[in-house]
C-alpha atoms as a PDB file:
ATOM      1  CA  MET A   1      49.841  70.924  88.163  1.00  0.00           C
ATOM      2  CA  SER A   2      52.306  68.445  86.919  1.00  0.00           C
ATOM      3  CA  SER A   3      54.391  68.773  83.770  1.00  0.00           C
ATOM      4  CA  VAL A   4      56.561  67.034  81.309  1.00  0.00           C
ATOM      5  CA  LEU A   5      59.750  68.038  79.780  1.00  0.00           C
ATOM      6  CA  GLY A   6      60.347  66.553  76.343  1.00  0.00           C
ATOM      7  CA  ILE A   7      63.619  66.507  74.535  1.00  0.00           C
ATOM      8  CA  ASP A   8      64.303  65.584  70.995  1.00  0.00           C
ATOM      9  CA  PRO A   9      67.996  65.232  70.477  1.00  0.00           C
ATOM     10  CA  GLY A  10      69.680  65.728  67.207  1.00  0.00           C
ATOM     11  CA  MET A  11      73.253  65.771  66.117  1.00  0.00           C
ATOM     12  CA  ARG A  12      73.947  69.347  66.624  1.00  0.00           C
ATOM     13  CA  LYS A  13      70.777  70.825  68.197  1.00  0.00           C
ATOM     14  CA  ALA A  14      67.913  69.582  70.367  1.00  0.00           C
ATOM     15  CA  GLY A  15      64.497  70.528  70.521  1.00  0.00           C
ATOM     16  CA  PHE A  16      62.601  70.733  73.883  1.00  0.00           C
ATOM     17  CA  ALA A  17      59.181  71.592  75.154  1.00  0.00           C
ATOM     18  CA  LEU A  18      57.625  71.852  78.720  1.00  0.00           C
ATOM     19  CA  VAL A  19      53.977  70.791  78.674  1.00  0.00           C
ATOM     20  CA  SER A  20      51.432  70.983  81.429  1.00  0.00           C
ATOM     21  CA  ASP A  21      49.062  68.253  82.444  1.00  0.00           C
ATOM     22  CA  ALA A  22      46.365  70.407  80.901  1.00  0.00           C
ATOM     23  CA  GLY A  23      48.362  70.312  77.470  1.00  0.00           C
ATOM     24  CA  VAL A  24      49.484  73.855  77.679  1.00  0.00           C
ATOM     25  CA  VAL A  25      53.017  74.467  76.242  1.00  0.00           C
ATOM     26  CA  LEU A  26      54.789  76.270  78.991  1.00  0.00           C
ATOM     27  CA  GLU A  27      58.165  76.691  77.205  1.00  0.00           C
ATOM     28  CA  ARG A  28      59.815  75.304  74.004  1.00  0.00           C
ATOM     29  CA  GLY A  29      62.857  75.810  72.088  1.00  0.00           C
ATOM     30  CA  ILE A  30      65.810  74.614  70.076  1.00  0.00           C
ATOM     31  CA  GLU A  31      69.268  74.778  71.523  1.00  0.00           C
ATOM     32  CA  SER A  32      72.721  73.578  70.560  1.00  0.00           C
ATOM     33  CA  VAL A  33      73.716  70.170  72.133  1.00  0.00           C
ATOM     34  CA  GLU A  34      76.543  71.912  73.948  1.00  0.00           C
ATOM     35  CA  ARG A  35      74.383  74.520  75.646  1.00  0.00           C
ATOM     36  CA  LEU A  36      71.299  72.304  76.200  1.00  0.00           C
ATOM     37  CA  ALA A  37      72.073  71.664  79.889  1.00  0.00           C
ATOM     38  CA  GLU A  38      72.637  75.323  80.741  1.00  0.00           C
ATOM     39  CA  ARG A  39      69.348  76.248  78.901  1.00  0.00           C
ATOM     40  CA  LEU A  40      67.308  73.561  80.667  1.00  0.00           C
ATOM     41  CA  SER A  41      68.641  74.498  84.027  1.00  0.00           C
ATOM     42  CA  SER A  42      67.491  77.993  83.406  1.00  0.00           C
ATOM     43  CA  LEU A  43      63.992  76.826  82.412  1.00  0.00           C
ATOM     44  CA  LEU A  44      63.875  74.568  85.520  1.00  0.00           C
ATOM     45  CA  THR A  45      64.431  77.444  87.782  1.00  0.00           C
ATOM     46  CA  ARG A  46      61.194  79.024  86.479  1.00  0.00           C
ATOM     47  CA  HIS A  47      59.076  75.837  85.991  1.00  0.00           C
ATOM     48  CA  ARG A  48      58.771  72.379  87.603  1.00  0.00           C
ATOM     49  CA  ALA A  49      59.095  69.286  85.506  1.00  0.00           C
ATOM     50  CA  ASP A  50      57.690  66.134  86.855  1.00  0.00           C
ATOM     51  CA  VAL A  51      58.597  63.710  84.015  1.00  0.00           C
ATOM     52  CA  LEU A  52      61.433  63.768  81.534  1.00  0.00           C
ATOM     53  CA  ALA A  53      61.023  62.195  78.248  1.00  0.00           C
ATOM     54  CA  ILE A  54      64.057  61.960  75.974  1.00  0.00           C
ATOM     55  CA  GLY A  55      63.628  60.629  72.323  1.00  0.00           C
ATOM     56  CA  ALA A  56      65.810  57.515  71.553  1.00  0.00           C
ATOM     57  CA  GLY A  57      66.892  58.523  68.158  1.00  0.00           C
ATOM     58  CA  THR A  58      69.788  60.499  66.881  1.00  0.00           C
ATOM     59  CA  ASN A  59      72.502  61.381  69.567  1.00  0.00           C
ATOM     60  CA  ALA A  60      70.237  60.597  72.308  1.00  0.00           C
ATOM     61  CA  ALA A  61      73.171  58.855  74.324  1.00  0.00           C
ATOM     62  CA  ARG A  62      75.279  62.077  74.204  1.00  0.00           C
ATOM     63  CA  VAL A  63      72.506  64.330  75.115  1.00  0.00           C
ATOM     64  CA  THR A  64      71.430  62.192  78.042  1.00  0.00           C
ATOM     65  CA  ALA A  65      75.041  61.971  79.324  1.00  0.00           C
ATOM     66  CA  GLY A  66      75.124  65.745  79.048  1.00  0.00           C
ATOM     67  CA  LEU A  67      72.304  66.316  81.423  1.00  0.00           C
END
């Protein structure tokens, strides 16, 4: 089973979802930008992500740099 971790970066918070290749949402949430890396690290200890998709909108460069 493969999965995609999608991140929607905002100014103060970022949304994220881990979706399987069958379209099943394995986990989703909203986290502050400051704590996002810690939250995703915890998520990735429970699940494997084969693809990372990060939105290119608001605050994307800062979020990407923090990962």
